[in-house]
Amino acid sequence: MAETIEEITINFEEEGILIVKELAKEVLSRGAWTTILFRYQQWDKAKEEYSPDRYTIRRYRKVKGNYSQQSKFNISNREQAEKISAILTTWIKTA
């Protein structure tokens, strides 16, 4: 559990191997409800290498002094990230 937004990470280690490797983190909103966009790589045990970059948007809620994850949306590849970005850009320009 993290007490501050800066402490929140998606790094995850199992049996001495960093399974989820956080590469970047951008805080989209702050407060009791916090939204963070992460860029990360996932360890592929079969290939013994990290995946191409992936992205996830996670929402955290601060309860009793600690942030806990409430929801997440995983963007599984660059193509999907580019589509989301293009659509949002179009919507924003036409709004």
PDB file of N, CA and C in Angstrom:
ATOM      1  N   MET A   1       0.840  -1.185   0.000  1.00  0.00           N
ATOM      2  CA  MET A   1       0.000   0.000   0.000  1.00  0.00           C
ATOM      3  C   MET A   1       0.886   1.250   0.000  1.00  0.00           C
ATOM      4  N   ALA A   2       0.453   2.250  -0.706  1.00  0.00           N
ATOM      5  CA  ALA A   2       1.205   3.495  -0.794  1.00  0.00           C
ATOM      6  C   ALA A   2       0.480   4.597  -0.034  1.00  0.00           C
ATOM      7  N   GLU A   3       1.240   5.394   0.680  1.00  0.00           N
ATOM      8  CA  GLU A   3       0.668   6.521   1.409  1.00  0.00           C
ATOM      9  C   GLU A   3       0.641   7.782   0.565  1.00  0.00           C
ATOM     10  N   THR A   4       1.542   7.867  -0.431  1.00  0.00           N
ATOM     11  CA  THR A   4       1.593   9.038  -1.308  1.00  0.00           C
ATOM     12  C   THR A   4       1.510   8.587  -2.761  1.00  0.00           C
ATOM     13  N   ILE A   5       1.140   9.519  -3.629  1.00  0.00           N
ATOM     14  CA  ILE A   5       1.053   9.219  -5.060  1.00  0.00           C
ATOM     15  C   ILE A   5       2.425   8.817  -5.597  1.00  0.00           C
ATOM     16  N   GLU A   6       3.462   9.455  -5.104  1.00  0.00           N
ATOM     17  CA  GLU A   6       4.819   9.163  -5.568  1.00  0.00           C
ATOM     18  C   GLU A   6       5.230   7.726  -5.268  1.00  0.00           C
ATOM     19  N   GLU A   7       4.670   7.130  -4.235  1.00  0.00           N
ATOM     20  CA  GLU A   7       5.005   5.746  -3.859  1.00  0.00           C
ATOM     21  C   GLU A   7       4.274   4.702  -4.702  1.00  0.00           C
ATOM     22  N   ILE A   8       3.242   5.111  -5.412  1.00  0.00           N
ATOM     23  CA  ILE A   8       2.460   4.162  -6.205  1.00  0.00           C
ATOM     24  C   ILE A   8       3.310   3.669  -7.376  1.00  0.00           C
ATOM     25  N   THR A   9       3.356   2.360  -7.545  1.00  0.00           N
ATOM     26  CA  THR A   9       4.110   1.750  -8.645  1.00  0.00           C
ATOM     27  C   THR A   9       3.383   0.486  -9.100  1.00  0.00           C
ATOM     28  N   ILE A  10       3.658   0.079 -10.329  1.00  0.00           N
ATOM     29  CA  ILE A  10       3.121  -1.201 -10.797  1.00  0.00           C
ATOM     30  C   ILE A  10       4.225  -2.244 -10.915  1.00  0.00           C
ATOM     31  N   ASN A  11       5.441  -1.889 -10.511  1.00  0.00           N
ATOM     32  CA  ASN A  11       6.510  -2.883 -10.483  1.00  0.00           C
ATOM     33  C   ASN A  11       6.041  -4.078  -9.667  1.00  0.00           C
ATOM     34  N   PHE A  12       6.286  -5.275 -10.200  1.00  0.00           N
ATOM     35  CA  PHE A  12       5.874  -6.496  -9.503  1.00  0.00           C
ATOM     36  C   PHE A  12       6.956  -7.545  -9.673  1.00  0.00           C
ATOM     37  N   GLU A  13       7.451  -8.034  -8.566  1.00  0.00           N
ATOM     38  CA  GLU A  13       8.522  -9.022  -8.580  1.00  0.00           C
ATOM     39  C   GLU A  13       8.018 -10.350  -8.039  1.00  0.00           C
ATOM     40  N   GLU A  14       8.469 -11.427  -8.686  1.00  0.00           N
ATOM     41  CA  GLU A  14       8.112 -12.775  -8.251  1.00  0.00           C
ATOM     42  C   GLU A  14       9.323 -13.672  -8.410  1.00  0.00           C
ATOM     43  N   GLU A  15       9.688 -14.359  -7.349  1.00  0.00           N
ATOM     44  CA  GLU A  15      10.841 -15.260  -7.355  1.00  0.00           C
ATOM     45  C   GLU A  15      12.107 -14.587  -7.878  1.00  0.00           C
ATOM     46  N   GLY A  16      12.298 -13.329  -7.485  1.00  0.00           N
ATOM     47  CA  GLY A  16      13.499 -12.599  -7.868  1.00  0.00           C
ATOM     48  C   GLY A  16      13.491 -12.035  -9.272  1.00  0.00           C
ATOM     49  N   ILE A  17      12.387 -12.200 -10.006  1.00  0.00           N
ATOM     50  CA  ILE A  17      12.285 -11.676 -11.371  1.00  0.00           C
ATOM     51  C   ILE A  17      11.263 -10.548 -11.376  1.00  0.00           C
ATOM     52  N   LEU A  18      11.638  -9.428 -11.987  1.00  0.00           N
ATOM     53  CA  LEU A  18      10.720  -8.306 -12.122  1.00  0.00           C
ATOM     54  C   LEU A  18       9.732  -8.647 -13.237  1.00  0.00           C
ATOM     55  N   ILE A  19       8.525  -9.086 -12.866  1.00  0.00           N
ATOM     56  CA  ILE A  19       7.519  -9.557 -13.814  1.00  0.00           C
ATOM     57  C   ILE A  19       6.886  -8.385 -14.568  1.00  0.00           C
ATOM     58  N   VAL A  20       6.552  -7.327 -13.831  1.00  0.00           N
ATOM     59  CA  VAL A  20       6.029  -6.102 -14.439  1.00  0.00           C
ATOM     60  C   VAL A  20       7.041  -5.007 -14.143  1.00  0.00           C
ATOM     61  N   LYS A  21       7.607  -4.439 -15.219  1.00  0.00           N
ATOM     62  CA  LYS A  21       8.639  -3.414 -15.086  1.00  0.00           C
ATOM     63  C   LYS A  21       8.078  -2.064 -15.511  1.00  0.00           C
ATOM     64  N   GLU A  22       7.871  -1.187 -14.538  1.00  0.00           N
ATOM     65  CA  GLU A  22       7.365   0.159 -14.815  1.00  0.00           C
ATOM     66  C   GLU A  22       8.454   0.970 -15.511  1.00  0.00           C
ATOM     67  N   LEU A  23       8.093   1.581 -16.660  1.00  0.00           N
ATOM     68  CA  LEU A  23       9.049   2.389 -17.413  1.00  0.00           C
ATOM     69  C   LEU A  23       8.797   3.880 -17.246  1.00  0.00           C
ATOM     70  N   ALA A  24       7.526   4.254 -17.079  1.00  0.00           N
ATOM     71  CA  ALA A  24       7.172   5.667 -16.932  1.00  0.00           C
ATOM     72  C   ALA A  24       5.832   5.771 -16.230  1.00  0.00           C
ATOM     73  N   LYS A  25       5.609   6.936 -15.615  1.00  0.00           N
ATOM     74  CA  LYS A  25       4.384   7.162 -14.858  1.00  0.00           C
ATOM     75  C   LYS A  25       3.999   8.621 -15.000  1.00  0.00           C
ATOM     76  N   GLU A  26       2.731   8.863 -15.363  1.00  0.00           N
ATOM     77  CA  GLU A  26       2.211  10.229 -15.454  1.00  0.00           C
ATOM     78  C   GLU A  26       0.934  10.307 -14.637  1.00  0.00           C
ATOM     79  N   VAL A  27       0.899  11.220 -13.699  1.00  0.00           N
ATOM     80  CA  VAL A  27      -0.288  11.406 -12.867  1.00  0.00           C
ATOM     81  C   VAL A  27      -1.263  12.289 -13.643  1.00  0.00           C
ATOM     82  N   LEU A  28      -2.458  11.760 -13.913  1.00  0.00           N
ATOM     83  CA  LEU A  28      -3.467  12.494 -14.666  1.00  0.00           C
ATOM     84  C   LEU A  28      -4.368  13.320 -13.763  1.00  0.00           C
ATOM     85  N   SER A  29      -4.604  12.838 -12.550  1.00  0.00           N
ATOM     86  CA  SER A  29      -5.373  13.610 -11.571  1.00  0.00           C
ATOM     87  C   SER A  29      -4.905  13.230 -10.181  1.00  0.00           C
ATOM     88  N   ARG A  30      -5.012  14.192  -9.261  1.00  0.00           N
ATOM     89  CA  ARG A  30      -4.564  13.993  -7.886  1.00  0.00           C
ATOM     90  C   ARG A  30      -5.722  14.195  -6.930  1.00  0.00           C
ATOM     91  N   GLY A  31      -5.564  13.666  -5.736  1.00  0.00           N
ATOM     92  CA  GLY A  31      -6.570  13.846  -4.704  1.00  0.00           C
ATOM     93  C   GLY A  31      -6.927  12.513  -4.081  1.00  0.00           C
ATOM     94  N   ALA A  32      -8.079  12.484  -3.417  1.00  0.00           N
ATOM     95  CA  ALA A  32      -8.537  11.236  -2.802  1.00  0.00           C
ATOM     96  C   ALA A  32      -8.747  10.160  -3.854  1.00  0.00           C
ATOM     97  N   TRP A  33      -9.145  10.576  -5.055  1.00  0.00           N
ATOM     98  CA  TRP A  33      -9.230   9.682  -6.213  1.00  0.00           C
ATOM     99  C   TRP A  33      -8.144  10.134  -7.178  1.00  0.00           C
ATOM    100  N   THR A  34      -7.224   9.256  -7.493  1.00  0.00           N
ATOM    101  CA  THR A  34      -6.074   9.574  -8.325  1.00  0.00           C
ATOM    102  C   THR A  34      -6.055   8.674  -9.554  1.00  0.00           C
ATOM    103  N   THR A  35      -5.745   9.274 -10.700  1.00  0.00           N
ATOM    104  CA  THR A  35      -5.655   8.516 -11.950  1.00  0.00           C
ATOM    105  C   THR A  35      -4.228   8.627 -12.472  1.00  0.00           C
ATOM    106  N   ILE A  36      -3.644   7.470 -12.813  1.00  0.00           N
ATOM    107  CA  ILE A  36      -2.256   7.435 -13.270  1.00  0.00           C
ATOM    108  C   ILE A  36      -2.149   6.607 -14.550  1.00  0.00           C
ATOM    109  N   LEU A  37      -1.391   7.129 -15.502  1.00  0.00           N
ATOM    110  CA  LEU A  37      -1.077   6.418 -16.737  1.00  0.00           C
ATOM    111  C   LEU A  37       0.341   5.867 -16.609  1.00  0.00           C
ATOM    112  N   PHE A  38       0.489   4.555 -16.829  1.00  0.00           N
ATOM    113  CA  PHE A  38       1.793   3.900 -16.739  1.00  0.00           C
ATOM    114  C   PHE A  38       2.202   3.329 -18.093  1.00  0.00           C
ATOM    115  N   ARG A  39       3.505   3.368 -18.360  1.00  0.00           N
ATOM    116  CA  ARG A  39       4.099   2.623 -19.476  1.00  0.00           C
ATOM    117  C   ARG A  39       4.939   1.533 -18.814  1.00  0.00           C
ATOM    118  N   TYR A  40       4.783   0.296 -19.308  1.00  0.00           N
ATOM    119  CA  TYR A  40       5.469  -0.820 -18.654  1.00  0.00           C
ATOM    120  C   TYR A  40       5.783  -1.924 -19.647  1.00  0.00           C
ATOM    121  N   GLN A  41       6.556  -2.900 -19.178  1.00  0.00           N
ATOM    122  CA  GLN A  41       6.834  -4.119 -19.938  1.00  0.00           C
ATOM    123  C   GLN A  41       6.544  -5.306 -19.037  1.00  0.00           C
ATOM    124  N   GLN A  42       6.109  -6.382 -19.663  1.00  0.00           N
ATOM    125  CA  GLN A  42       5.769  -7.612 -18.944  1.00  0.00           C
ATOM    126  C   GLN A  42       6.810  -8.681 -19.306  1.00  0.00           C
ATOM    127  N   TRP A  43       7.265  -9.412 -18.287  1.00  0.00           N
ATOM    128  CA  TRP A  43       8.237 -10.481 -18.503  1.00  0.00           C
ATOM    129  C   TRP A  43       7.552 -11.659 -19.169  1.00  0.00           C
ATOM    130  N   ASP A  44       8.126 -12.139 -20.267  1.00  0.00           N
ATOM    131  CA  ASP A  44       7.630 -13.326 -20.959  1.00  0.00           C
ATOM    132  C   ASP A  44       8.547 -14.480 -20.572  1.00  0.00           C
ATOM    133  N   LYS A  45       8.032 -15.351 -19.716  1.00  0.00           N
ATOM    134  CA  LYS A  45       8.844 -16.453 -19.184  1.00  0.00           C
ATOM    135  C   LYS A  45       9.310 -17.400 -20.291  1.00  0.00           C
ATOM    136  N   ALA A  46       8.431 -17.679 -21.252  1.00  0.00           N
ATOM    137  CA  ALA A  46       8.778 -18.609 -22.332  1.00  0.00           C
ATOM    138  C   ALA A  46       9.924 -18.071 -23.197  1.00  0.00           C
ATOM    139  N   LYS A  47       9.880 -16.780 -23.505  1.00  0.00           N
ATOM    140  CA  LYS A  47      10.909 -16.166 -24.349  1.00  0.00           C
ATOM    141  C   LYS A  47      12.097 -15.655 -23.545  1.00  0.00           C
ATOM    142  N   GLU A  48      11.918 -15.577 -22.224  1.00  0.00           N
ATOM    143  CA  GLU A  48      12.925 -15.031 -21.326  1.00  0.00           C
ATOM    144  C   GLU A  48      13.345 -13.630 -21.741  1.00  0.00           C
ATOM    145  N   GLU A  49      12.322 -12.777 -22.011  1.00  0.00           N
ATOM    146  CA  GLU A  49      12.567 -11.384 -22.354  1.00  0.00           C
ATOM    147  C   GLU A  49      11.312 -10.566 -22.042  1.00  0.00           C
ATOM    148  N   TYR A  50      11.481  -9.265 -22.015  1.00  0.00           N
ATOM    149  CA  TYR A  50      10.343  -8.391 -21.762  1.00  0.00           C
ATOM    150  C   TYR A  50       9.560  -8.131 -23.041  1.00  0.00           C
ATOM    151  N   SER A  51       8.266  -7.918 -22.865  1.00  0.00           N
ATOM    152  CA  SER A  51       7.368  -7.622 -23.977  1.00  0.00           C
ATOM    153  C   SER A  51       7.667  -6.232 -24.527  1.00  0.00           C
ATOM    154  N   PRO A  52       7.125  -5.933 -25.705  1.00  0.00           N
ATOM    155  CA  PRO A  52       7.149  -4.536 -26.148  1.00  0.00           C
ATOM    156  C   PRO A  52       6.385  -3.688 -25.123  1.00  0.00           C
ATOM    157  N   ASP A  53       6.551  -2.390 -25.208  1.00  0.00           N
ATOM    158  CA  ASP A  53       5.881  -1.502 -24.259  1.00  0.00           C
ATOM    159  C   ASP A  53       4.375  -1.711 -24.263  1.00  0.00           C
ATOM    160  N   ARG A  54       3.804  -1.638 -23.069  1.00  0.00           N
ATOM    161  CA  ARG A  54       2.366  -1.692 -22.862  1.00  0.00           C
ATOM    162  C   ARG A  54       1.990  -0.485 -22.012  1.00  0.00           C
ATOM    163  N   TYR A  55       0.692  -0.232 -21.917  1.00  0.00           N
ATOM    164  CA  TYR A  55       0.220   0.942 -21.199  1.00  0.00           C
ATOM    165  C   TYR A  55      -0.991   0.563 -20.359  1.00  0.00           C
ATOM    166  N   THR A  56      -1.156   1.230 -19.228  1.00  0.00           N
ATOM    167  CA  THR A  56      -2.305   0.970 -18.382  1.00  0.00           C
ATOM    168  C   THR A  56      -2.713   2.274 -17.690  1.00  0.00           C
ATOM    169  N   ILE A  57      -4.004   2.458 -17.557  1.00  0.00           N
ATOM    170  CA  ILE A  57      -4.552   3.582 -16.804  1.00  0.00           C
ATOM    171  C   ILE A  57      -5.159   2.982 -15.550  1.00  0.00           C
ATOM    172  N   ARG A  58      -4.730   3.486 -14.409  1.00  0.00           N
ATOM    173  CA  ARG A  58      -5.219   2.933 -13.141  1.00  0.00           C
ATOM    174  C   ARG A  58      -5.778   4.045 -12.264  1.00  0.00           C
ATOM    175  N   ARG A  59      -6.825   3.678 -11.561  1.00  0.00           N
ATOM    176  CA  ARG A  59      -7.519   4.613 -10.677  1.00  0.00           C
ATOM    177  C   ARG A  59      -7.334   4.126  -9.246  1.00  0.00           C
ATOM    178  N   TYR A  60      -6.904   5.033  -8.380  1.00  0.00           N
ATOM    179  CA  TYR A  60      -6.646   4.713  -6.980  1.00  0.00           C
ATOM    180  C   TYR A  60      -7.502   5.591  -6.075  1.00  0.00           C
ATOM    181  N   ARG A  61      -7.857   5.043  -4.936  1.00  0.00           N
ATOM    182  CA  ARG A  61      -8.638   5.758  -3.931  1.00  0.00           C
ATOM    183  C   ARG A  61      -7.875   5.722  -2.615  1.00  0.00           C
ATOM    184  N   LYS A  62      -7.802   6.894  -1.983  1.00  0.00           N
ATOM    185  CA  LYS A  62      -7.106   6.955  -0.697  1.00  0.00           C
ATOM    186  C   LYS A  62      -8.121   6.711   0.416  1.00  0.00           C
ATOM    187  N   VAL A  63      -7.876   5.633   1.162  1.00  0.00           N
ATOM    188  CA  VAL A  63      -8.729   5.253   2.282  1.00  0.00           C
ATOM    189  C   VAL A  63      -7.834   5.006   3.485  1.00  0.00           C
ATOM    190  N   LYS A  64      -8.157   5.642   4.592  1.00  0.00           N
ATOM    191  CA  LYS A  64      -7.397   5.483   5.844  1.00  0.00           C
ATOM    192  C   LYS A  64      -5.899   5.705   5.635  1.00  0.00           C
ATOM    193  N   GLY A  65      -5.568   6.708   4.805  1.00  0.00           N
ATOM    194  CA  GLY A  65      -4.176   7.094   4.609  1.00  0.00           C
ATOM    195  C   GLY A  65      -3.403   6.323   3.567  1.00  0.00           C
ATOM    196  N   ASN A  66      -4.019   5.328   2.925  1.00  0.00           N
ATOM    197  CA  ASN A  66      -3.330   4.528   1.905  1.00  0.00           C
ATOM    198  C   ASN A  66      -4.117   4.508   0.605  1.00  0.00           C
ATOM    199  N   TYR A  67      -3.380   4.524  -0.506  1.00  0.00           N
ATOM    200  CA  TYR A  67      -3.999   4.409  -1.820  1.00  0.00           C
ATOM    201  C   TYR A  67      -4.181   2.933  -2.172  1.00  0.00           C
ATOM    202  N   SER A  68      -5.365   2.594  -2.643  1.00  0.00           N
ATOM    203  CA  SER A  68      -5.595   1.228  -3.129  1.00  0.00           C
ATOM    204  C   SER A  68      -6.218   1.313  -4.512  1.00  0.00           C
ATOM    205  N   GLN A  69      -5.819   0.380  -5.363  1.00  0.00           N
ATOM    206  CA  GLN A  69      -6.312   0.371  -6.737  1.00  0.00           C
ATOM    207  C   GLN A  69      -7.798   0.040  -6.762  1.00  0.00           C
ATOM    208  N   GLN A  70      -8.558   0.817  -7.527  1.00  0.00           N
ATOM    209  CA  GLN A  70      -9.995   0.613  -7.646  1.00  0.00           C
ATOM    210  C   GLN A  70     -10.378   0.058  -9.022  1.00  0.00           C
ATOM    211  N   SER A  71      -9.632   0.468 -10.046  1.00  0.00           N
ATOM    212  CA  SER A  71      -9.935  -0.022 -11.389  1.00  0.00           C
ATOM    213  C   SER A  71      -8.702   0.159 -12.273  1.00  0.00           C
ATOM    214  N   LYS A  72      -8.740  -0.545 -13.422  1.00  0.00           N
ATOM    215  CA  LYS A  72      -7.645  -0.393 -14.376  1.00  0.00           C
ATOM    216  C   LYS A  72      -8.150  -0.696 -15.775  1.00  0.00           C
ATOM    217  N   PHE A  73      -7.476  -0.102 -16.744  1.00  0.00           N
ATOM    218  CA  PHE A  73      -7.717  -0.380 -18.150  1.00  0.00           C
ATOM    219  C   PHE A  73      -6.360  -0.591 -18.791  1.00  0.00           C
ATOM    220  N   ASN A  74      -6.130  -1.776 -19.333  1.00  0.00           N
ATOM    221  CA  ASN A  74      -4.864  -2.096 -19.974  1.00  0.00           C
ATOM    222  C   ASN A  74      -4.945  -1.847 -21.471  1.00  0.00           C
ATOM    223  N   ILE A  75      -3.959  -1.137 -21.979  1.00  0.00           N
ATOM    224  CA  ILE A  75      -3.797  -0.909 -23.414  1.00  0.00           C
ATOM    225  C   ILE A  75      -2.665  -1.850 -23.814  1.00  0.00           C
ATOM    226  N   SER A  76      -3.007  -2.873 -24.568  1.00  0.00           N
ATOM    227  CA  SER A  76      -2.087  -3.996 -24.718  1.00  0.00           C
ATOM    228  C   SER A  76      -0.977  -3.815 -25.746  1.00  0.00           C
ATOM    229  N   ASN A  77      -1.110  -2.830 -26.631  1.00  0.00           N
ATOM    230  CA  ASN A  77      -0.043  -2.668 -27.614  1.00  0.00           C
ATOM    231  C   ASN A  77      -0.019  -1.251 -28.173  1.00  0.00           C
ATOM    232  N   ARG A  78       1.028  -0.964 -28.911  1.00  0.00           N
ATOM    233  CA  ARG A  78       1.236   0.377 -29.467  1.00  0.00           C
ATOM    234  C   ARG A  78       0.099   0.774 -30.417  1.00  0.00           C
ATOM    235  N   GLU A  79      -0.360  -0.169 -31.238  1.00  0.00           N
ATOM    236  CA  GLU A  79      -1.424   0.123 -32.205  1.00  0.00           C
ATOM    237  C   GLU A  79      -2.698   0.590 -31.493  1.00  0.00           C
ATOM    238  N   GLN A  80      -3.075  -0.103 -30.448  1.00  0.00           N
ATOM    239  CA  GLN A  80      -4.263   0.288 -29.701  1.00  0.00           C
ATOM    240  C   GLN A  80      -4.066   1.662 -29.056  1.00  0.00           C
ATOM    241  N   ALA A  81      -2.884   1.926 -28.516  1.00  0.00           N
ATOM    242  CA  ALA A  81      -2.587   3.226 -27.905  1.00  0.00           C
ATOM    243  C   ALA A  81      -2.689   4.347 -28.944  1.00  0.00           C
ATOM    244  N   GLU A  82      -2.178   4.091 -30.144  1.00  0.00           N
ATOM    245  CA  GLU A  82      -2.243   5.095 -31.203  1.00  0.00           C
ATOM    246  C   GLU A  82      -3.686   5.369 -31.629  1.00  0.00           C
ATOM    247  N   LYS A  83      -4.507   4.328 -31.706  1.00  0.00           N
ATOM    248  CA  LYS A  83      -5.920   4.510 -32.061  1.00  0.00           C
ATOM    249  C   LYS A  83      -6.644   5.346 -31.011  1.00  0.00           C
ATOM    250  N   ILE A  84      -6.419   5.036 -29.752  1.00  0.00           N
ATOM    251  CA  ILE A  84      -7.052   5.794 -28.667  1.00  0.00           C
ATOM    252  C   ILE A  84      -6.621   7.252 -28.737  1.00  0.00           C
ATOM    253  N   SER A  85      -5.334   7.480 -28.926  1.00  0.00           N
ATOM    254  CA  SER A  85      -4.804   8.837 -29.007  1.00  0.00           C
ATOM    255  C   SER A  85      -5.422   9.606 -30.180  1.00  0.00           C
ATOM    256  N   ALA A  86      -5.505   8.963 -31.335  1.00  0.00           N
ATOM    257  CA  ALA A  86      -6.065   9.619 -32.525  1.00  0.00           C
ATOM    258  C   ALA A  86      -7.539   9.973 -32.328  1.00  0.00           C
ATOM    259  N   ILE A  87      -8.291   9.068 -31.758  1.00  0.00           N
ATOM    260  CA  ILE A  87      -9.716   9.319 -31.539  1.00  0.00           C
ATOM    261  C   ILE A  87      -9.904  10.463 -30.547  1.00  0.00           C
ATOM    262  N   LEU A  88      -9.173  10.435 -29.444  1.00  0.00           N
ATOM    263  CA  LEU A  88      -9.290  11.514 -28.457  1.00  0.00           C
ATOM    264  C   LEU A  88      -8.894  12.862 -29.052  1.00  0.00           C
ATOM    265  N   THR A  89      -7.840  12.875 -29.849  1.00  0.00           N
ATOM    266  CA  THR A  89      -7.404  14.123 -30.506  1.00  0.00           C
ATOM    267  C   THR A  89      -8.512  14.657 -31.408  1.00  0.00           C
ATOM    268  N   THR A  90      -9.130  13.782 -32.191  1.00  0.00           N
ATOM    269  CA  THR A  90     -10.219  14.192 -33.076  1.00  0.00           C
ATOM    270  C   THR A  90     -11.392  14.728 -32.266  1.00  0.00           C
ATOM    271  N   TRP A  91     -11.790  14.033 -31.240  1.00  0.00           N
ATOM    272  CA  TRP A  91     -12.916  14.465 -30.415  1.00  0.00           C
ATOM    273  C   TRP A  91     -12.646  15.830 -29.772  1.00  0.00           C
ATOM    274  N   ILE A  92     -11.439  16.022 -29.284  1.00  0.00           N
ATOM    275  CA  ILE A  92     -11.100  17.277 -28.610  1.00  0.00           C
ATOM    276  C   ILE A  92     -11.132  18.434 -29.601  1.00  0.00           C
ATOM    277  N   LYS A  93     -10.619  18.219 -30.801  1.00  0.00           N
ATOM    278  CA  LYS A  93     -10.588  19.267 -31.825  1.00  0.00           C
ATOM    279  C   LYS A  93     -11.990  19.643 -32.304  1.00  0.00           C
ATOM    280  N   THR A  94     -12.914  18.698 -32.273  1.00  0.00           N
ATOM    281  CA  THR A  94     -14.266  18.976 -32.780  1.00  0.00           C
ATOM    282  C   THR A  94     -15.247  19.366 -31.678  1.00  0.00           C
ATOM    283  N   ALA A  95     -14.801  19.342 -30.455  1.00  0.00           N
ATOM    284  CA  ALA A  95     -15.711  19.673 -29.334  1.00  0.00           C
ATOM    285  C   ALA A  95     -15.888  21.162 -29.182  1.00  0.00           C
TER     286      ALA A  95
END
